[in-house]
Amino acid sequence: MSSPNVNVGRKRGQAIFVKMGEEAPGLDAIVAIAMANSRIEILKSMVEQDPAGAFGRYGLAMEYVNSGELEAASEQFTALLEHNPNYAAGYFHGGQTLEKLGRTEDAKALYRRGIAVTTATGDGHTRSELEGALALLG
């Protein structure tokens, strides 16, 4: 006979189930999930109010990265850079996200675009980070 499941919380629209007799996620884990959901909803609202705004879009992309939603993060980095082509951190973190997705050639292309932008804007620190990331990919 299989053990019944118990719903002990929610994670981004999905219930978290734990078999009877197994340790349930602690309150801290459930609170962390709720806070991440809340941050994502707030950031989505900011993006809806100002689709071209860099702050909300970058924050949403990073929150998706932190929650493991890499495809959604990549989409947000793409939109961020369409509206804010000089937002240097978007190239680095967008490239890192593409790498995690196994899209190495796309990551290289994004790093190269970022290197061109940071060279033009004089952002030597981010340029060197982008160059380092590109070098690691060969």
C-alpha atoms as a PDB file:
ATOM      1  CA  MET A   1       0.000   0.000   0.000  1.00  0.00           C
ATOM      2  CA  SER A   2       1.442   3.368  -0.927  1.00  0.00           C
ATOM      3  CA  SER A   3       1.688   6.209   1.533  1.00  0.00           C
ATOM      4  CA  PRO A   4      -0.724   9.102   1.076  1.00  0.00           C
ATOM      5  CA  ASN A   5       0.695  12.492   0.161  1.00  0.00           C
ATOM      6  CA  VAL A   6       0.228  15.581   2.259  1.00  0.00           C
ATOM      7  CA  ASN A   7       0.165  19.054   0.760  1.00  0.00           C
ATOM      8  CA  VAL A   8       2.503  21.135   2.916  1.00  0.00           C
ATOM      9  CA  GLY A   9       2.944  24.267   0.834  1.00  0.00           C
ATOM     10  CA  ARG A  10       3.055  25.785  -2.615  1.00  0.00           C
ATOM     11  CA  LYS A  11       5.922  26.545  -4.935  1.00  0.00           C
ATOM     12  CA  ARG A  12       5.212  28.841  -7.864  1.00  0.00           C
ATOM     13  CA  GLY A  13       1.725  27.540  -8.478  1.00  0.00           C
ATOM     14  CA  GLN A  14       2.534  23.908  -7.733  1.00  0.00           C
ATOM     15  CA  ALA A  15       1.811  22.099  -4.531  1.00  0.00           C
ATOM     16  CA  ILE A  16       4.705  20.615  -2.602  1.00  0.00           C
ATOM     17  CA  PHE A  17       3.917  17.066  -1.546  1.00  0.00           C
ATOM     18  CA  VAL A  18       5.677  14.987   1.055  1.00  0.00           C
ATOM     19  CA  LYS A  19       4.980  11.324   1.725  1.00  0.00           C
ATOM     20  CA  MET A  20       3.739  10.502   5.170  1.00  0.00           C
ATOM     21  CA  GLY A  21       6.650   9.593   7.397  1.00  0.00           C
ATOM     22  CA  GLU A  22       9.102  11.824   5.495  1.00  0.00           C
ATOM     23  CA  GLU A  23      10.298  15.082   6.910  1.00  0.00           C
ATOM     24  CA  ALA A  24       8.277  18.001   5.588  1.00  0.00           C
ATOM     25  CA  PRO A  25      10.010  21.176   4.415  1.00  0.00           C
ATOM     26  CA  GLY A  26      10.660  23.460   7.336  1.00  0.00           C
ATOM     27  CA  LEU A  27       8.828  26.693   7.871  1.00  0.00           C
ATOM     28  CA  ASP A  28      11.902  28.593   6.695  1.00  0.00           C
ATOM     29  CA  ALA A  29      11.765  26.818   3.317  1.00  0.00           C
ATOM     30  CA  ILE A  30       8.056  27.511   2.920  1.00  0.00           C
ATOM     31  CA  VAL A  31       8.532  31.172   3.854  1.00  0.00           C
ATOM     32  CA  ALA A  32      11.421  31.450   1.363  1.00  0.00           C
ATOM     33  CA  ILE A  33       9.215  30.045  -1.410  1.00  0.00           C
ATOM     34  CA  ALA A  34       6.422  32.469  -0.544  1.00  0.00           C
ATOM     35  CA  MET A  35       8.840  35.393  -0.501  1.00  0.00           C
ATOM     36  CA  ALA A  36      10.277  34.431  -3.911  1.00  0.00           C
ATOM     37  CA  ASN A  37       6.760  34.192  -5.319  1.00  0.00           C
ATOM     38  CA  SER A  38       5.951  37.582  -3.847  1.00  0.00           C
ATOM     39  CA  ARG A  39       9.115  39.165  -5.313  1.00  0.00           C
ATOM     40  CA  ILE A  40       8.379  37.725  -8.745  1.00  0.00           C
ATOM     41  CA  GLU A  41       4.807  39.046  -8.648  1.00  0.00           C
ATOM     42  CA  ILE A  42       6.009  42.504  -7.578  1.00  0.00           C
ATOM     43  CA  LEU A  43       8.631  42.564 -10.320  1.00  0.00           C
ATOM     44  CA  LYS A  44       6.121  41.374 -12.931  1.00  0.00           C
ATOM     45  CA  SER A  45       3.882  44.258 -11.900  1.00  0.00           C
ATOM     46  CA  MET A  46       6.775  46.698 -12.274  1.00  0.00           C
ATOM     47  CA  VAL A  47       7.511  45.356 -15.767  1.00  0.00           C
ATOM     48  CA  GLU A  48       3.842  45.659 -16.740  1.00  0.00           C
ATOM     49  CA  GLN A  49       3.821  49.282 -15.595  1.00  0.00           C
ATOM     50  CA  ASP A  50       7.116  50.123 -17.319  1.00  0.00           C
ATOM     51  CA  PRO A  51       8.063  47.512 -19.946  1.00  0.00           C
ATOM     52  CA  ALA A  52      11.169  49.459 -20.992  1.00  0.00           C
ATOM     53  CA  GLY A  53      12.366  50.038 -17.431  1.00  0.00           C
ATOM     54  CA  ALA A  54      15.674  48.391 -16.661  1.00  0.00           C
ATOM     55  CA  PHE A  55      15.290  48.008 -12.895  1.00  0.00           C
ATOM     56  CA  GLY A  56      12.170  45.835 -12.893  1.00  0.00           C
ATOM     57  CA  ARG A  57      13.161  43.820 -15.943  1.00  0.00           C
ATOM     58  CA  TYR A  58      16.673  43.057 -14.644  1.00  0.00           C
ATOM     59  CA  GLY A  59      15.294  42.214 -11.204  1.00  0.00           C
ATOM     60  CA  LEU A  60      12.716  39.860 -12.701  1.00  0.00           C
ATOM     61  CA  ALA A  61      15.354  38.147 -14.846  1.00  0.00           C
ATOM     62  CA  MET A  62      17.617  37.636 -11.835  1.00  0.00           C
ATOM     63  CA  GLU A  63      14.746  36.376  -9.690  1.00  0.00           C
ATOM     64  CA  TYR A  64      13.936  33.822 -12.392  1.00  0.00           C
ATOM     65  CA  VAL A  65      17.595  32.748 -12.429  1.00  0.00           C
ATOM     66  CA  ASN A  66      17.564  32.367  -8.650  1.00  0.00           C
ATOM     67  CA  SER A  67      14.417  30.230  -8.798  1.00  0.00           C
ATOM     68  CA  GLY A  68      15.811  28.043 -11.597  1.00  0.00           C
ATOM     69  CA  GLU A  69      13.437  29.298 -14.289  1.00  0.00           C
ATOM     70  CA  LEU A  70      16.184  29.797 -16.843  1.00  0.00           C
ATOM     71  CA  GLU A  71      14.048  30.045 -20.001  1.00  0.00           C
ATOM     72  CA  ALA A  72      11.955  32.789 -18.409  1.00  0.00           C
ATOM     73  CA  ALA A  73      15.137  34.509 -17.238  1.00  0.00           C
ATOM     74  CA  SER A  74      16.621  34.385 -20.727  1.00  0.00           C
ATOM     75  CA  GLU A  75      13.466  35.949 -22.176  1.00  0.00           C
ATOM     76  CA  GLN A  76      13.694  38.772 -19.652  1.00  0.00           C
ATOM     77  CA  PHE A  77      17.381  39.410 -20.384  1.00  0.00           C
ATOM     78  CA  THR A  78      16.547  39.581 -24.100  1.00  0.00           C
ATOM     79  CA  ALA A  79      13.762  42.107 -23.468  1.00  0.00           C
ATOM     80  CA  LEU A  80      15.993  44.078 -21.091  1.00  0.00           C
ATOM     81  CA  LEU A  81      18.714  44.463 -23.700  1.00  0.00           C
ATOM     82  CA  GLU A  82      16.230  45.321 -26.458  1.00  0.00           C
ATOM     83  CA  HIS A  83      15.028  48.288 -24.396  1.00  0.00           C
ATOM     84  CA  ASN A  84      18.335  49.087 -22.662  1.00  0.00           C
ATOM     85  CA  PRO A  85      21.218  48.093 -24.953  1.00  0.00           C
ATOM     86  CA  ASN A  86      23.812  49.734 -22.680  1.00  0.00           C
ATOM     87  CA  TYR A  87      22.790  47.780 -19.560  1.00  0.00           C
ATOM     88  CA  ALA A  88      26.119  45.996 -19.200  1.00  0.00           C
ATOM     89  CA  ALA A  89      25.155  43.527 -16.455  1.00  0.00           C
ATOM     90  CA  GLY A  90      22.444  42.149 -18.732  1.00  0.00           C
ATOM     91  CA  TYR A  91      25.061  40.851 -21.145  1.00  0.00           C
ATOM     92  CA  PHE A  92      27.050  39.069 -18.468  1.00  0.00           C
ATOM     93  CA  HIS A  93      24.147  37.526 -16.572  1.00  0.00           C
ATOM     94  CA  GLY A  94      22.215  36.864 -19.768  1.00  0.00           C
ATOM     95  CA  GLY A  95      25.228  35.010 -21.139  1.00  0.00           C
ATOM     96  CA  GLN A  96      25.606  33.042 -17.915  1.00  0.00           C
ATOM     97  CA  THR A  97      21.955  32.038 -18.189  1.00  0.00           C
ATOM     98  CA  LEU A  98      22.409  30.918 -21.788  1.00  0.00           C
ATOM     99  CA  GLU A  99      25.402  28.840 -20.715  1.00  0.00           C
ATOM    100  CA  LYS A 100      23.301  27.121 -18.042  1.00  0.00           C
ATOM    101  CA  LEU A 101      20.744  26.346 -20.747  1.00  0.00           C
ATOM    102  CA  GLY A 102      23.470  24.727 -22.853  1.00  0.00           C
ATOM    103  CA  ARG A 103      23.246  27.448 -25.505  1.00  0.00           C
ATOM    104  CA  THR A 104      26.982  28.081 -25.702  1.00  0.00           C
ATOM    105  CA  GLU A 105      27.059  29.750 -29.127  1.00  0.00           C
ATOM    106  CA  ASP A 106      24.278  32.146 -28.108  1.00  0.00           C
ATOM    107  CA  ALA A 107      26.183  32.940 -24.904  1.00  0.00           C
ATOM    108  CA  LYS A 108      29.343  33.690 -26.886  1.00  0.00           C
ATOM    109  CA  ALA A 109      27.422  36.011 -29.198  1.00  0.00           C
ATOM    110  CA  LEU A 110      25.873  37.834 -26.241  1.00  0.00           C
ATOM    111  CA  TYR A 111      29.267  38.204 -24.549  1.00  0.00           C
ATOM    112  CA  ARG A 112      30.702  39.646 -27.781  1.00  0.00           C
ATOM    113  CA  ARG A 113      27.837  42.159 -28.022  1.00  0.00           C
ATOM    114  CA  GLY A 114      28.438  43.092 -24.402  1.00  0.00           C
ATOM    115  CA  ILE A 115      32.150  43.572 -25.007  1.00  0.00           C
ATOM    116  CA  ALA A 116      31.374  45.964 -27.854  1.00  0.00           C
ATOM    117  CA  VAL A 117      28.910  47.913 -25.698  1.00  0.00           C
ATOM    118  CA  THR A 118      31.190  48.121 -22.665  1.00  0.00           C
ATOM    119  CA  THR A 119      34.108  49.186 -24.850  1.00  0.00           C
ATOM    120  CA  ALA A 120      31.990  51.987 -26.297  1.00  0.00           C
ATOM    121  CA  THR A 121      30.687  53.087 -22.884  1.00  0.00           C
ATOM    122  CA  GLY A 122      34.065  52.819 -21.141  1.00  0.00           C
ATOM    123  CA  ASP A 123      32.946  50.168 -18.635  1.00  0.00           C
ATOM    124  CA  GLY A 124      36.275  48.380 -18.334  1.00  0.00           C
ATOM    125  CA  HIS A 125      35.302  46.293 -15.318  1.00  0.00           C
ATOM    126  CA  THR A 126      32.298  44.655 -16.969  1.00  0.00           C
ATOM    127  CA  ARG A 127      34.182  44.359 -20.247  1.00  0.00           C
ATOM    128  CA  SER A 128      36.905  42.341 -18.511  1.00  0.00           C
ATOM    129  CA  GLU A 129      34.276  40.076 -16.921  1.00  0.00           C
ATOM    130  CA  LEU A 130      32.689  39.519 -20.317  1.00  0.00           C
ATOM    131  CA  GLU A 131      36.074  38.826 -21.926  1.00  0.00           C
ATOM    132  CA  GLY A 132      36.862  36.321 -19.174  1.00  0.00           C
ATOM    133  CA  ALA A 133      33.537  34.547 -19.621  1.00  0.00           C
ATOM    134  CA  LEU A 134      34.049  34.392 -23.382  1.00  0.00           C
ATOM    135  CA  ALA A 135      37.599  33.055 -22.969  1.00  0.00           C
ATOM    136  CA  LEU A 136      36.359  30.259 -20.734  1.00  0.00           C
ATOM    137  CA  LEU A 137      34.050  29.110 -23.525  1.00  0.00           C
ATOM    138  CA  GLY A 138      36.939  28.977 -26.004  1.00  0.00           C
END
